Amino acid sequence: MPQYLITYLGTPQPATPEEGQQHMAKYRAWLSSLGDAAVSPANPVKNARVVAPDGSVTEGSNTGMSGYTIVEAADDAAALEIVRACPFLEVGGSLEVSELMQMPG
């Protein structure tokens, strides 16, 4: 079954601690609802740096990526259905979905 990379873009901040707790509860419930389809759930990232072709390093992300999840889905349509249900969208974040290619060997 194909695997898809869901990339979280943006770092929405809750207005209150209670709002943050409510969001996390929804997010955990969404991940739980995916069951075995969630191959690698909830992988936040921090301290992004960009290395240029000349080897110079700048702090921060060019893409605004804040994390990722890998899921299995039957096809692109099923992957998009999974993503549309993610609560990250409710708090103003965006999600990018990409099918992972299997490399030979």
N, C-alpha and C. Protein backbone atom coordinates (compact mmCIF):
# COMPACT_ATOMS: atom_id res chain seq x y z
N MET A 1 0.85 -1.18 0.00
CA MET A 1 0.00 0.00 0.00
C MET A 1 0.90 1.24 0.00
N PRO A 2 0.54 2.25 -0.79
CA PRO A 2 1.36 3.46 -0.85
C PRO A 2 1.42 4.19 0.49
N GLN A 3 2.54 4.84 0.72
CA GLN A 3 2.70 5.68 1.90
C GLN A 3 2.75 7.14 1.47
N TYR A 4 2.22 8.00 2.34
CA TYR A 4 2.14 9.42 2.05
C TYR A 4 2.75 10.22 3.19
N LEU A 5 3.50 11.24 2.82
CA LEU A 5 4.09 12.17 3.77
C LEU A 5 3.14 13.35 3.91
N ILE A 6 2.69 13.58 5.13
CA ILE A 6 1.88 14.76 5.44
C ILE A 6 2.81 15.75 6.12
N THR A 7 3.04 16.88 5.48
CA THR A 7 3.93 17.90 6.02
C THR A 7 3.09 19.01 6.63
N TYR A 8 3.37 19.31 7.90
CA TYR A 8 2.67 20.39 8.60
C TYR A 8 3.40 21.69 8.30
N LEU A 9 2.67 22.68 7.79
CA LEU A 9 3.25 23.96 7.44
C LEU A 9 2.65 25.05 8.31
N GLY A 10 3.53 25.78 8.99
CA GLY A 10 3.08 26.83 9.91
C GLY A 10 3.14 26.34 11.33
N THR A 11 3.08 27.28 12.25
CA THR A 11 3.10 26.95 13.68
C THR A 11 2.00 27.74 14.38
N PRO A 12 0.75 27.37 14.13
CA PRO A 12 -0.36 28.08 14.78
C PRO A 12 -0.23 28.01 16.30
N GLN A 13 -0.49 29.12 16.95
CA GLN A 13 -0.42 29.18 18.41
C GLN A 13 -1.82 29.36 18.98
N PRO A 14 -2.19 28.54 19.96
CA PRO A 14 -3.51 28.70 20.57
C PRO A 14 -3.58 30.00 21.37
N ALA A 15 -4.78 30.55 21.44
CA ALA A 15 -4.97 31.80 22.16
C ALA A 15 -4.84 31.62 23.67
N THR A 16 -5.20 30.45 24.16
CA THR A 16 -5.15 30.18 25.60
C THR A 16 -4.62 28.76 25.82
N PRO A 17 -4.14 28.46 27.02
CA PRO A 17 -3.73 27.08 27.32
C PRO A 17 -4.88 26.08 27.15
N GLU A 18 -6.07 26.50 27.49
CA GLU A 18 -7.23 25.61 27.35
C GLU A 18 -7.48 25.27 25.88
N GLU A 19 -7.37 26.29 25.03
CA GLU A 19 -7.53 26.07 23.60
C GLU A 19 -6.47 25.10 23.09
N GLY A 20 -5.25 25.24 23.58
CA GLY A 20 -4.18 24.33 23.20
C GLY A 20 -4.47 22.90 23.62
N GLN A 21 -5.00 22.73 24.82
CA GLN A 21 -5.35 21.39 25.31
C GLN A 21 -6.47 20.78 24.47
N GLN A 22 -7.46 21.60 24.12
CA GLN A 22 -8.57 21.10 23.30
C GLN A 22 -8.06 20.67 21.92
N HIS A 23 -7.18 21.48 21.36
CA HIS A 23 -6.64 21.13 20.04
C HIS A 23 -5.85 19.82 20.12
N MET A 24 -5.00 19.68 21.13
CA MET A 24 -4.20 18.46 21.25
C MET A 24 -5.09 17.23 21.45
N ALA A 25 -6.19 17.40 22.17
CA ALA A 25 -7.12 16.27 22.35
C ALA A 25 -7.72 15.87 21.00
N LYS A 26 -8.10 16.85 20.18
CA LYS A 26 -8.64 16.55 18.85
C LYS A 26 -7.57 15.90 17.97
N TYR A 27 -6.36 16.41 18.07
CA TYR A 27 -5.27 15.88 17.25
C TYR A 27 -4.96 14.43 17.63
N ARG A 28 -4.90 14.15 18.93
CA ARG A 28 -4.65 12.77 19.38
C ARG A 28 -5.78 11.84 18.94
N ALA A 29 -7.02 12.33 19.01
CA ALA A 29 -8.16 11.52 18.58
C ALA A 29 -8.07 11.24 17.08
N TRP A 30 -7.66 12.23 16.29
CA TRP A 30 -7.50 12.05 14.84
C TRP A 30 -6.43 10.98 14.58
N LEU A 31 -5.28 11.11 15.23
CA LEU A 31 -4.22 10.12 15.04
C LEU A 31 -4.69 8.73 15.44
N SER A 32 -5.39 8.65 16.56
CA SER A 32 -5.90 7.36 17.03
C SER A 32 -6.87 6.75 16.02
N SER A 33 -7.69 7.60 15.39
CA SER A 33 -8.67 7.11 14.41
C SER A 33 -8.00 6.52 13.17
N LEU A 34 -6.75 6.87 12.93
CA LEU A 34 -6.03 6.35 11.77
C LEU A 34 -5.56 4.91 11.98
N GLY A 35 -5.47 4.49 13.24
CA GLY A 35 -5.05 3.13 13.54
C GLY A 35 -3.72 2.79 12.91
N ASP A 36 -3.63 1.62 12.27
CA ASP A 36 -2.39 1.14 11.66
C ASP A 36 -1.98 1.95 10.43
N ALA A 37 -2.89 2.77 9.89
CA ALA A 37 -2.56 3.60 8.74
C ALA A 37 -1.53 4.67 9.11
N ALA A 38 -1.45 5.02 10.39
CA ALA A 38 -0.46 6.00 10.85
C ALA A 38 0.87 5.27 11.05
N VAL A 39 1.70 5.29 10.03
CA VAL A 39 2.97 4.57 10.04
C VAL A 39 3.98 5.25 10.95
N SER A 40 4.02 6.59 10.89
CA SER A 40 4.94 7.38 11.70
C SER A 40 4.22 8.68 12.09
N PRO A 41 3.41 8.63 13.15
CA PRO A 41 2.60 9.79 13.50
C PRO A 41 3.36 10.85 14.29
N ALA A 42 2.88 12.09 14.17
CA ALA A 42 3.27 13.20 15.05
C ALA A 42 4.77 13.35 15.24
N ASN A 43 5.45 13.86 14.24
CA ASN A 43 6.89 14.09 14.30
C ASN A 43 7.18 15.58 14.18
N PRO A 44 7.14 16.32 15.30
CA PRO A 44 7.45 17.75 15.22
C PRO A 44 8.94 17.95 14.95
N VAL A 45 9.26 19.10 14.36
CA VAL A 45 10.66 19.44 14.10
C VAL A 45 10.96 20.80 14.73
N LYS A 46 12.24 21.04 15.01
CA LYS A 46 12.66 22.33 15.55
C LYS A 46 14.09 22.62 15.10
N ASN A 47 14.53 23.84 15.35
CA ASN A 47 15.90 24.25 15.03
C ASN A 47 16.27 24.01 13.58
N ALA A 48 15.39 24.39 12.65
CA ALA A 48 15.66 24.20 11.23
C ALA A 48 16.78 25.12 10.77
N ARG A 49 17.58 24.60 9.87
CA ARG A 49 18.65 25.37 9.24
C ARG A 49 18.65 25.02 7.76
N VAL A 50 19.03 25.97 6.94
CA VAL A 50 19.11 25.74 5.51
C VAL A 50 20.58 25.83 5.09
N VAL A 51 21.04 24.79 4.42
CA VAL A 51 22.41 24.76 3.91
C VAL A 51 22.34 25.06 2.41
N ALA A 52 23.00 26.13 1.99
CA ALA A 52 23.02 26.56 0.59
C ALA A 52 24.08 25.78 -0.19
N PRO A 53 24.02 25.82 -1.52
CA PRO A 53 25.01 25.12 -2.33
C PRO A 53 26.46 25.51 -2.01
N ASP A 54 26.65 26.74 -1.54
CA ASP A 54 28.02 27.17 -1.21
C ASP A 54 28.45 26.74 0.19
N GLY A 55 27.56 26.02 0.89
CA GLY A 55 27.87 25.54 2.23
C GLY A 55 27.49 26.48 3.35
N SER A 56 27.03 27.68 3.01
CA SER A 56 26.61 28.62 4.06
C SER A 56 25.33 28.12 4.72
N VAL A 57 25.16 28.46 5.98
CA VAL A 57 24.01 28.00 6.76
C VAL A 57 23.24 29.20 7.28
N THR A 58 21.92 29.15 7.11
CA THR A 58 21.06 30.18 7.68
C THR A 58 20.07 29.51 8.63
N GLU A 59 19.70 30.24 9.65
CA GLU A 59 18.75 29.73 10.64
C GLU A 59 17.33 29.84 10.09
N GLY A 60 16.50 28.88 10.44
CA GLY A 60 15.09 28.91 10.06
C GLY A 60 14.80 28.07 8.84
N SER A 61 13.54 27.84 8.63
CA SER A 61 13.07 26.99 7.54
C SER A 61 12.65 27.84 6.34
N ASN A 62 12.96 27.39 5.16
CA ASN A 62 12.47 28.05 3.95
C ASN A 62 11.00 27.73 3.70
N THR A 63 10.55 26.61 4.22
CA THR A 63 9.19 26.15 3.92
C THR A 63 8.20 26.40 5.04
N GLY A 64 8.66 26.65 6.24
CA GLY A 64 7.76 26.78 7.37
C GLY A 64 7.29 25.44 7.90
N MET A 65 8.00 24.38 7.56
CA MET A 65 7.64 23.03 8.03
C MET A 65 7.79 22.95 9.54
N SER A 66 6.73 22.47 10.21
CA SER A 66 6.78 22.33 11.66
C SER A 66 6.71 20.87 12.11
N GLY A 67 6.51 19.95 11.16
CA GLY A 67 6.48 18.54 11.50
C GLY A 67 5.95 17.71 10.35
N TYR A 68 5.83 16.40 10.61
CA TYR A 68 5.32 15.51 9.57
C TYR A 68 4.71 14.27 10.19
N THR A 69 3.88 13.61 9.39
CA THR A 69 3.30 12.31 9.71
C THR A 69 3.36 11.48 8.44
N ILE A 70 3.62 10.19 8.58
CA ILE A 70 3.57 9.29 7.42
C ILE A 70 2.39 8.34 7.62
N VAL A 71 1.55 8.26 6.58
CA VAL A 71 0.38 7.38 6.63
C VAL A 71 0.37 6.46 5.42
N GLU A 72 -0.33 5.35 5.55
CA GLU A 72 -0.60 4.47 4.42
C GLU A 72 -2.04 4.72 3.98
N ALA A 73 -2.23 4.77 2.67
CA ALA A 73 -3.58 4.94 2.12
C ALA A 73 -3.65 4.21 0.79
N ALA A 74 -4.84 3.82 0.40
CA ALA A 74 -5.02 3.04 -0.83
C ALA A 74 -4.60 3.82 -2.07
N ASP A 75 -4.84 5.15 -2.07
CA ASP A 75 -4.52 5.97 -3.23
C ASP A 75 -4.51 7.44 -2.82
N ASP A 76 -4.27 8.32 -3.80
CA ASP A 76 -4.21 9.75 -3.53
C ASP A 76 -5.51 10.27 -2.90
N ALA A 77 -6.64 9.83 -3.42
CA ALA A 77 -7.93 10.30 -2.91
C ALA A 77 -8.11 9.93 -1.44
N ALA A 78 -7.72 8.71 -1.08
CA ALA A 78 -7.83 8.27 0.31
C ALA A 78 -6.88 9.06 1.21
N ALA A 79 -5.68 9.36 0.71
CA ALA A 79 -4.73 10.16 1.48
C ALA A 79 -5.27 11.57 1.72
N LEU A 80 -5.86 12.16 0.69
CA LEU A 80 -6.44 13.50 0.84
C LEU A 80 -7.60 13.50 1.83
N GLU A 81 -8.37 12.43 1.84
CA GLU A 81 -9.49 12.32 2.80
C GLU A 81 -8.95 12.30 4.23
N ILE A 82 -7.87 11.57 4.46
CA ILE A 82 -7.24 11.53 5.78
C ILE A 82 -6.79 12.92 6.18
N VAL A 83 -6.15 13.62 5.26
CA VAL A 83 -5.60 14.95 5.55
C VAL A 83 -6.70 15.96 5.83
N ARG A 84 -7.77 15.92 5.08
CA ARG A 84 -8.87 16.87 5.27
C ARG A 84 -9.48 16.78 6.67
N ALA A 85 -9.33 15.66 7.33
CA ALA A 85 -9.88 15.47 8.68
C ALA A 85 -8.92 15.90 9.78
N CYS A 86 -7.70 16.32 9.43
CA CYS A 86 -6.70 16.67 10.44
C CYS A 86 -7.04 17.99 11.13
N PRO A 87 -7.07 18.02 12.46
CA PRO A 87 -7.40 19.23 13.21
C PRO A 87 -6.37 20.36 13.06
N PHE A 88 -5.20 20.08 12.52
CA PHE A 88 -4.20 21.13 12.28
C PHE A 88 -4.79 22.21 11.37
N LEU A 89 -5.68 21.81 10.48
CA LEU A 89 -6.32 22.76 9.58
C LEU A 89 -7.25 23.71 10.33
N GLU A 90 -7.85 23.23 11.40
CA GLU A 90 -8.80 24.04 12.19
C GLU A 90 -8.12 25.21 12.90
N VAL A 91 -6.82 25.11 13.14
CA VAL A 91 -6.11 26.16 13.87
C VAL A 91 -5.27 27.04 12.94
N GLY A 92 -5.51 26.92 11.64
CA GLY A 92 -4.86 27.82 10.70
C GLY A 92 -3.61 27.29 10.05
N GLY A 93 -3.24 26.05 10.32
CA GLY A 93 -2.07 25.46 9.66
C GLY A 93 -2.46 24.91 8.29
N SER A 94 -1.48 24.69 7.46
CA SER A 94 -1.69 24.06 6.15
C SER A 94 -0.98 22.72 6.14
N LEU A 95 -1.46 21.84 5.27
CA LEU A 95 -0.87 20.51 5.15
C LEU A 95 -0.51 20.23 3.70
N GLU A 96 0.65 19.67 3.49
CA GLU A 96 1.08 19.25 2.16
C GLU A 96 1.11 17.73 2.16
N VAL A 97 0.60 17.11 1.10
CA VAL A 97 0.55 15.65 1.01
C VAL A 97 1.37 15.22 -0.20
N SER A 98 2.29 14.29 0.02
CA SER A 98 3.14 13.78 -1.05
C SER A 98 3.24 12.27 -0.93
N GLU A 99 3.09 11.58 -2.05
CA GLU A 99 3.29 10.13 -2.04
C GLU A 99 4.79 9.85 -1.98
N LEU A 100 5.17 8.94 -1.09
CA LEU A 100 6.57 8.55 -0.97
C LEU A 100 6.90 7.52 -2.06
N MET A 101 7.99 7.75 -2.73
CA MET A 101 8.43 6.83 -3.78
C MET A 101 9.29 5.73 -3.16
N GLN A 102 9.12 4.54 -3.65
CA GLN A 102 9.94 3.41 -3.20
C GLN A 102 11.17 3.34 -4.11
N MET A 103 12.33 3.46 -3.51
CA MET A 103 13.57 3.41 -4.28
C MET A 103 14.01 1.96 -4.44
N PRO A 104 14.52 1.61 -5.61
CA PRO A 104 14.98 0.23 -5.81
C PRO A 104 16.21 -0.07 -4.95
N GLY A 105 16.30 -1.33 -4.58
CA GLY A 105 17.48 -1.80 -3.85
C GLY A 105 17.34 -1.58 -2.42
